[in-house]
Amino acid sequence: MRFTRHRGGVRADLEAVEVQVLAQLANEILAIVEPAGPSDDASEDPLATLVGLPSGDVPVPDDPVLRRLLPDAYRDDEGAAADFRRYTDSELRAAKRGQATVVLGTLPEGGGQMRLDRDQADAWLGALNDMRLALGTSLDVTEETDPEDYAEDHPARQALEIYGWLGWLQESLLSCLDPRLGSERGPGA
């Protein structure tokens, strides 16, 4: 699979196994970023309820993969990080679910050609990034991690090869896209 430019967007030809892997990873992202459960805080803030915010703090996820997908915005200020999480957690989860849903909705069943418009391609970029972050966190990938350190039939090697493939897909897709701002403003703007 490789993304190529096409009128009004990008396209790619996918093998059946590529569709299966991408669908599995997108479904895993959907499961990971399910909406957070209700707050343990029994007090109801009427304004928070009115605008759809949780009434209490949104806890930092225990799951390292989810923590990587929804990191603290302020590492040196717990109060600011808690406020940011409270105000953005549900939107970030919804955006990630939306991106994974676009991937699932655009994958050609059983393989074949896929065409994406710019909005779909942007969703794919976000979803590929989430898949890669999730897989990399699960595998504890560092700069020193090398698939060649594992036997060819070792599950870690196969997962690391998928991790590398996801990065290659991101690069392939990104290289096909012109920046929106530049294309909307026109030459000399």
Protein backbone atom coordinates (compact mmCIF):
# COMPACT_ATOMS: atom_id res chain seq x y z
CA MET A 1 0.00 0.00 0.00
CA ARG A 2 1.21 3.44 -0.90
CA PHE A 3 -0.73 6.68 -1.09
CA THR A 4 -0.58 8.62 -4.35
CA ARG A 5 -2.05 11.95 -5.39
CA HIS A 6 -5.29 11.85 -7.25
CA ARG A 7 -7.62 14.58 -8.45
CA GLY A 8 -9.17 16.12 -5.37
CA GLY A 9 -7.38 13.86 -2.92
CA VAL A 10 -5.35 10.69 -2.61
CA ARG A 11 -5.77 7.04 -3.40
CA ALA A 12 -4.21 3.76 -2.40
CA ASP A 13 -4.49 0.12 -3.39
CA LEU A 14 -4.81 -2.14 -0.38
CA GLU A 15 -4.24 -5.84 -0.03
CA ALA A 16 -6.82 -7.79 1.98
CA VAL A 17 -4.34 -8.36 4.82
CA GLU A 18 -3.61 -4.60 5.00
CA VAL A 19 -7.33 -3.91 5.31
CA GLN A 20 -7.55 -6.48 8.12
CA VAL A 21 -4.63 -5.00 10.05
CA LEU A 22 -5.86 -1.41 9.67
CA ALA A 23 -9.42 -2.37 10.62
CA GLN A 24 -8.19 -4.22 13.71
CA LEU A 25 -6.05 -1.27 14.79
CA ALA A 26 -8.86 1.25 14.16
CA ASN A 27 -11.25 -0.90 16.21
CA GLU A 28 -8.69 -1.07 19.01
CA ILE A 29 -8.43 2.74 19.02
CA LEU A 30 -12.24 2.95 19.21
CA ALA A 31 -12.22 0.65 22.23
CA ILE A 32 -9.37 2.50 23.94
CA VAL A 33 -10.88 5.98 23.62
CA GLU A 34 -14.42 5.07 24.68
CA PRO A 35 -15.92 7.95 26.65
CA ALA A 36 -14.73 8.21 30.23
CA GLY A 37 -17.13 6.93 32.83
CA PRO A 38 -19.14 9.27 35.03
CA SER A 39 -17.28 11.23 37.65
CA ASP A 40 -17.31 10.02 41.25
CA ASP A 41 -18.05 13.60 42.29
CA ALA A 42 -21.65 13.55 43.51
CA SER A 43 -22.08 17.32 43.40
CA GLU A 44 -23.64 18.57 40.18
CA ASP A 45 -22.40 21.81 38.70
CA PRO A 46 -25.41 23.19 36.79
CA LEU A 47 -23.23 25.13 34.33
CA ALA A 48 -21.06 22.08 33.66
CA THR A 49 -24.19 19.99 33.10
CA LEU A 50 -25.63 22.63 30.77
CA VAL A 51 -22.53 22.71 28.54
CA GLY A 52 -21.85 18.98 28.74
CA LEU A 53 -18.77 19.00 30.98
CA PRO A 54 -18.13 16.49 33.73
CA SER A 55 -19.06 17.85 37.15
CA GLY A 56 -15.79 16.73 38.72
CA ASP A 57 -12.22 16.10 37.73
CA VAL A 58 -11.46 13.74 34.87
CA PRO A 59 -8.79 11.40 36.21
CA VAL A 60 -5.52 10.78 34.43
CA PRO A 61 -5.95 7.43 32.66
CA ASP A 62 -4.41 4.40 34.36
CA ASP A 63 -3.84 2.69 31.01
CA PRO A 64 -0.43 3.77 29.60
CA VAL A 65 -1.73 3.61 26.01
CA LEU A 66 -4.68 5.89 26.77
CA ARG A 67 -2.39 8.15 28.78
CA ARG A 68 -0.16 8.43 25.68
CA LEU A 69 -3.15 9.19 23.44
CA LEU A 70 -4.53 11.77 25.92
CA PRO A 71 -1.40 13.21 27.55
CA ASP A 72 -1.33 15.94 30.17
CA ALA A 73 -1.13 19.37 28.61
CA TYR A 74 0.83 20.80 31.55
CA ARG A 75 3.36 18.45 33.09
CA ASP A 76 4.56 20.93 35.69
CA ASP A 77 1.14 22.19 36.83
CA GLU A 78 -1.27 19.53 38.10
CA GLY A 79 -4.12 22.02 38.52
CA ALA A 80 -3.84 23.37 34.99
CA ALA A 81 -3.48 19.83 33.64
CA ALA A 82 -6.64 18.75 35.50
CA ASP A 83 -8.59 21.75 34.18
CA PHE A 84 -7.39 21.11 30.62
CA ARG A 85 -8.35 17.44 30.88
CA ARG A 86 -11.78 18.33 32.27
CA TYR A 87 -12.52 20.73 29.41
CA THR A 88 -11.03 18.74 26.54
CA ASP A 89 -11.19 15.02 27.38
CA SER A 90 -14.58 14.30 25.81
CA GLU A 91 -13.78 16.32 22.65
CA LEU A 92 -10.39 14.65 22.20
CA ARG A 93 -11.92 11.21 22.60
CA ALA A 94 -14.69 12.08 20.14
CA ALA A 95 -12.15 13.36 17.59
CA LYS A 96 -10.10 10.18 17.87
CA ARG A 97 -13.23 8.04 17.55
CA GLY A 98 -14.25 10.08 14.50
CA GLN A 99 -10.88 9.56 12.84
CA ALA A 100 -10.92 5.81 13.47
CA THR A 101 -14.48 5.65 12.16
CA VAL A 102 -13.40 7.38 8.93
CA VAL A 103 -10.67 4.76 8.49
CA LEU A 104 -13.17 1.95 8.98
CA GLY A 105 -15.66 3.59 6.64
CA THR A 106 -13.19 4.10 3.81
CA LEU A 107 -11.37 0.76 3.87
CA PRO A 108 -12.35 -1.29 0.81
CA GLU A 109 -13.83 -4.55 2.01
CA GLY A 110 -11.49 -7.41 1.12
CA GLY A 111 -8.93 -5.03 -0.38
CA GLY A 112 -8.86 -2.88 -3.48
CA GLN A 113 -8.62 0.78 -4.36
CA MET A 114 -9.46 3.47 -1.84
CA ARG A 115 -9.94 7.15 -2.64
CA LEU A 116 -9.88 9.82 0.04
CA ASP A 117 -10.82 13.47 -0.14
CA ARG A 118 -8.80 15.97 1.89
CA ASP A 119 -10.95 15.71 5.02
CA GLN A 120 -10.79 11.92 4.95
CA ALA A 121 -7.02 12.05 4.38
CA ASP A 122 -6.64 14.36 7.39
CA ALA A 123 -8.68 11.90 9.49
CA TRP A 124 -6.46 9.07 8.25
CA LEU A 125 -3.34 10.99 9.31
CA GLY A 126 -4.73 11.41 12.82
CA ALA A 127 -5.83 7.80 13.04
CA LEU A 128 -2.50 6.46 11.76
CA ASN A 129 -0.75 8.58 14.35
CA ASP A 130 -3.01 7.22 17.11
CA MET A 131 -2.44 3.64 15.94
CA ARG A 132 1.30 4.15 15.91
CA LEU A 133 1.35 5.82 19.34
CA ALA A 134 -0.80 3.06 20.82
CA LEU A 135 1.28 0.26 19.32
CA GLY A 136 4.57 1.96 20.19
CA THR A 137 3.47 2.43 23.80
CA SER A 138 2.31 -1.18 24.06
CA LEU A 139 5.66 -2.38 22.70
CA ASP A 140 7.71 0.07 24.80
CA VAL A 141 9.40 1.36 21.64
CA THR A 142 12.50 3.50 22.16
CA GLU A 143 15.10 4.86 19.76
CA GLU A 144 17.13 1.71 20.36
CA THR A 145 14.27 -0.67 19.49
CA ASP A 146 15.12 -2.76 16.44
CA PRO A 147 12.90 -5.47 14.94
CA GLU A 148 16.09 -7.29 13.86
CA ASP A 149 16.74 -8.08 17.54
CA TYR A 150 13.89 -10.61 17.39
CA ALA A 151 13.50 -13.86 15.48
CA GLU A 152 11.39 -13.55 12.32
CA ASP A 153 8.48 -15.48 13.85
CA HIS A 154 8.53 -13.61 17.18
CA PRO A 155 5.28 -11.65 17.83
CA ALA A 156 7.23 -8.57 18.94
CA ARG A 157 9.08 -8.47 15.63
CA GLN A 158 5.85 -8.69 13.69
CA ALA A 159 4.29 -5.93 15.81
CA LEU A 160 7.38 -3.75 15.37
CA GLU A 161 7.21 -4.26 11.61
CA ILE A 162 3.58 -3.10 11.69
CA TYR A 163 4.70 -0.11 13.78
CA GLY A 164 7.28 0.77 11.12
CA TRP A 165 4.74 0.24 8.35
CA LEU A 166 2.33 2.67 10.04
CA GLY A 167 5.07 5.30 10.10
CA TRP A 168 5.78 4.68 6.44
CA LEU A 169 2.04 5.03 5.65
CA GLN A 170 1.92 8.33 7.53
CA GLU A 171 4.88 9.62 5.54
CA SER A 172 3.40 8.37 2.28
CA LEU A 173 0.07 10.06 2.95
CA LEU A 174 1.61 13.28 4.19
CA SER A 175 3.81 13.56 1.09
CA CYS A 176 0.67 13.49 -1.09
CA LEU A 177 -1.03 16.38 0.65
CA ASP A 178 -0.51 20.03 -0.07
CA PRO A 179 -0.91 22.29 2.92
CA ARG A 180 -4.50 23.53 3.11
CA LEU A 181 -3.52 27.07 3.87
CA GLY A 182 -1.22 27.29 0.85
CA SER A 183 -3.78 25.84 -1.55
CA GLU A 184 -6.62 28.03 -0.28
CA ARG A 185 -4.73 31.29 -0.32
CA GLY A 186 -3.40 30.87 -3.81
CA PRO A 187 -0.08 31.99 -5.26
CA GLY A 188 1.52 35.13 -3.93
CA ALA A 189 -0.86 35.41 -0.99
